[in-house]
């Protein structure tokens, strides 16, 4: 798969659009520029490019790609920015949640003031430390 930068470079190197199709009677040309004023002579893409397409649907697809691809690139960039923002927000929520859990565990341990036996009391403290460690890494 080509990278976004490779696709963008391809778009920027192509003849400016929009492109359109022109029925030449025995196939389809891909043309560009304003509509022909004489009703007959469309502006063809630069010489050397193959613009004679046999099927109208293929020609329409190619012609539409000149404007569709830049639109899709813009959409991909917007979605990538949204994904980056949401990933950062998710990390912040995870960290806040882990800190809140650690605080609640510590609050329970502080409120009890009971000697519930070293192992259980230590387990509560370990749980709080684990939650805080997780928050720091999130």
Protein backbone atom coordinates (compact mmCIF):
# COMPACT_ATOMS: atom_id res chain seq x y z
CA UNK A 1 0.00 0.00 0.00
CA UNK A 2 1.28 3.47 -0.87
CA UNK A 3 1.77 5.98 1.90
CA UNK A 4 -0.37 9.10 2.27
CA UNK A 5 2.67 11.20 1.27
CA UNK A 6 3.17 9.15 -1.89
CA UNK A 7 -0.48 9.52 -2.82
CA UNK A 8 -0.41 13.26 -2.11
CA UNK A 9 2.71 13.65 -4.29
CA UNK A 10 0.91 11.81 -7.09
CA UNK A 11 -2.08 14.13 -6.75
CA UNK A 12 0.12 17.22 -6.80
CA UNK A 13 2.01 16.01 -9.89
CA UNK A 14 -1.18 15.34 -11.89
CA UNK A 15 -2.78 17.81 -14.30
CA UNK A 16 -5.11 20.17 -12.47
CA UNK A 17 -8.77 19.21 -12.36
CA UNK A 18 -11.56 18.79 -12.49
CA UNK A 19 -11.37 16.16 -15.17
CA UNK A 20 -14.31 14.94 -17.20
CA UNK A 21 -15.08 12.36 -19.82
CA UNK A 22 -15.64 12.95 -23.49
CA UNK A 23 -17.28 10.43 -25.80
CA UNK A 24 -15.17 10.20 -28.93
CA UNK A 25 -17.57 7.79 -30.60
CA UNK A 26 -15.43 4.66 -30.26
CA UNK A 27 -14.30 5.10 -26.67
CA UNK A 28 -13.85 7.73 -24.02
CA UNK A 29 -11.25 10.43 -23.52
CA UNK A 30 -10.34 11.89 -20.15
CA UNK A 31 -10.34 15.67 -20.58
CA UNK A 32 -9.72 18.68 -18.37
CA UNK A 33 -10.32 22.39 -18.32
CA UNK A 34 -13.43 24.25 -19.30
CA UNK A 35 -16.14 22.65 -21.36
CA UNK A 36 -15.33 22.93 -25.07
CA UNK A 37 -17.10 25.90 -26.64
CA UNK A 38 -17.30 24.38 -30.10
CA UNK A 39 -18.96 21.23 -28.77
CA UNK A 40 -16.28 19.04 -30.31
CA UNK A 41 -12.68 19.64 -29.18
CA UNK A 42 -12.08 18.82 -25.53
CA UNK A 43 -8.73 19.63 -23.94
CA UNK A 44 -6.97 16.32 -23.64
CA UNK A 45 -4.50 15.52 -20.92
CA UNK A 46 -0.84 16.07 -21.83
CA UNK A 47 0.51 14.16 -24.81
CA UNK A 48 1.86 10.74 -24.03
CA UNK A 49 -0.80 9.99 -21.45
CA UNK A 50 -3.22 7.26 -22.42
CA UNK A 51 -6.61 8.89 -22.33
CA UNK A 52 -8.60 6.65 -24.66
CA UNK A 53 -10.68 4.43 -22.40
CA UNK A 54 -13.04 1.82 -23.80
CA UNK A 55 -15.72 1.79 -21.11
CA UNK A 56 -17.60 4.88 -19.98
CA UNK A 57 -17.69 3.65 -16.34
CA UNK A 58 -13.88 3.30 -16.33
CA UNK A 59 -13.44 6.74 -17.84
CA UNK A 60 -15.84 8.29 -15.29
CA UNK A 61 -14.00 6.57 -12.44
CA UNK A 62 -10.63 7.91 -13.63
CA UNK A 63 -11.97 11.40 -14.24
CA UNK A 64 -13.66 11.54 -10.82
CA UNK A 65 -10.51 10.30 -9.10
CA UNK A 66 -8.85 13.67 -9.79
CA UNK A 67 -11.17 15.35 -7.28
CA UNK A 68 -12.14 12.33 -5.17
CA UNK A 69 -8.58 11.42 -4.14
CA UNK A 70 -7.74 14.87 -2.70
CA UNK A 71 -11.08 14.83 -0.85
CA UNK A 72 -10.31 11.38 0.56
CA UNK A 73 -6.81 12.48 1.60
CA UNK A 74 -8.34 15.38 3.52
CA UNK A 75 -10.78 13.01 5.21
CA UNK A 76 -7.97 10.58 6.15
CA UNK A 77 -5.98 13.45 7.67
CA UNK A 78 -9.02 14.58 9.70
CA UNK A 79 -9.64 11.04 10.91
CA UNK A 80 -5.97 10.60 11.85
CA UNK A 81 -6.09 13.83 13.87
CA UNK A 82 -9.30 12.69 15.59
CA UNK A 83 -7.71 9.33 16.37
CA UNK A 84 -4.65 11.00 17.87
CA UNK A 85 -6.83 13.30 20.00
CA UNK A 86 -9.06 10.44 21.18
CA UNK A 87 -6.04 8.26 22.01
CA UNK A 88 -4.65 11.04 24.20
CA UNK A 89 -8.05 11.56 25.86
CA UNK A 90 -8.37 7.82 26.54
CA UNK A 91 -4.94 7.77 28.19
CA UNK A 92 -5.91 10.74 30.37
CA UNK A 93 -9.14 9.02 31.42
CA UNK A 94 -7.26 5.80 32.26
CA UNK A 95 -4.78 7.73 34.36
CA UNK A 96 -7.50 9.69 36.18
CA UNK A 97 -9.45 6.48 36.83
CA UNK A 98 -6.41 4.67 38.21
CA UNK A 99 -5.59 7.63 40.48
CA UNK A 100 -9.18 7.76 41.72
CA UNK A 101 -9.08 4.03 42.51
CA UNK A 102 -5.79 4.44 44.37
CA UNK A 103 -7.22 7.33 46.39
CA UNK A 104 -10.34 5.32 47.26
CA UNK A 105 -8.29 2.32 48.35
CA UNK A 106 -6.12 4.55 50.54
CA UNK A 107 -9.19 6.29 51.97
CA UNK A 108 -10.74 2.96 52.94
CA UNK A 109 -7.50 1.87 54.57
CA UNK A 110 -7.24 5.18 56.49
CA UNK A 111 -10.91 5.14 57.58
CA UNK A 112 -10.81 1.66 59.07
CA UNK A 113 -7.99 2.37 61.51
CA UNK A 114 -8.31 -1.26 62.38
CA UNK A 115 -5.55 -3.71 62.74
CA UNK A 116 -7.01 -6.31 60.43
CA UNK A 117 -3.92 -8.34 60.40
CA UNK A 118 -0.74 -7.46 58.61
CA UNK A 119 -1.47 -9.39 55.45
CA UNK A 120 -4.85 -7.78 54.67
CA UNK A 121 -3.72 -4.27 55.62
CA UNK A 122 -0.62 -4.67 53.45
CA UNK A 123 -2.76 -6.00 50.58
CA UNK A 124 -4.81 -2.77 50.64
CA UNK A 125 -1.64 -0.66 50.54
CA UNK A 126 -0.20 -2.80 47.73
CA UNK A 127 -3.43 -2.39 45.77
CA UNK A 128 -3.17 1.38 46.12
CA UNK A 129 0.47 1.34 44.99
CA UNK A 130 -0.38 -0.83 41.99
CA UNK A 131 -3.16 1.58 40.98
CA UNK A 132 -0.82 4.56 41.33
CA UNK A 133 1.91 2.81 39.32
CA UNK A 134 -0.61 2.07 36.60
CA UNK A 135 -1.71 5.71 36.59
CA UNK A 136 1.87 6.90 36.15
CA UNK A 137 2.37 4.60 33.16
CA UNK A 138 -1.01 5.40 31.53
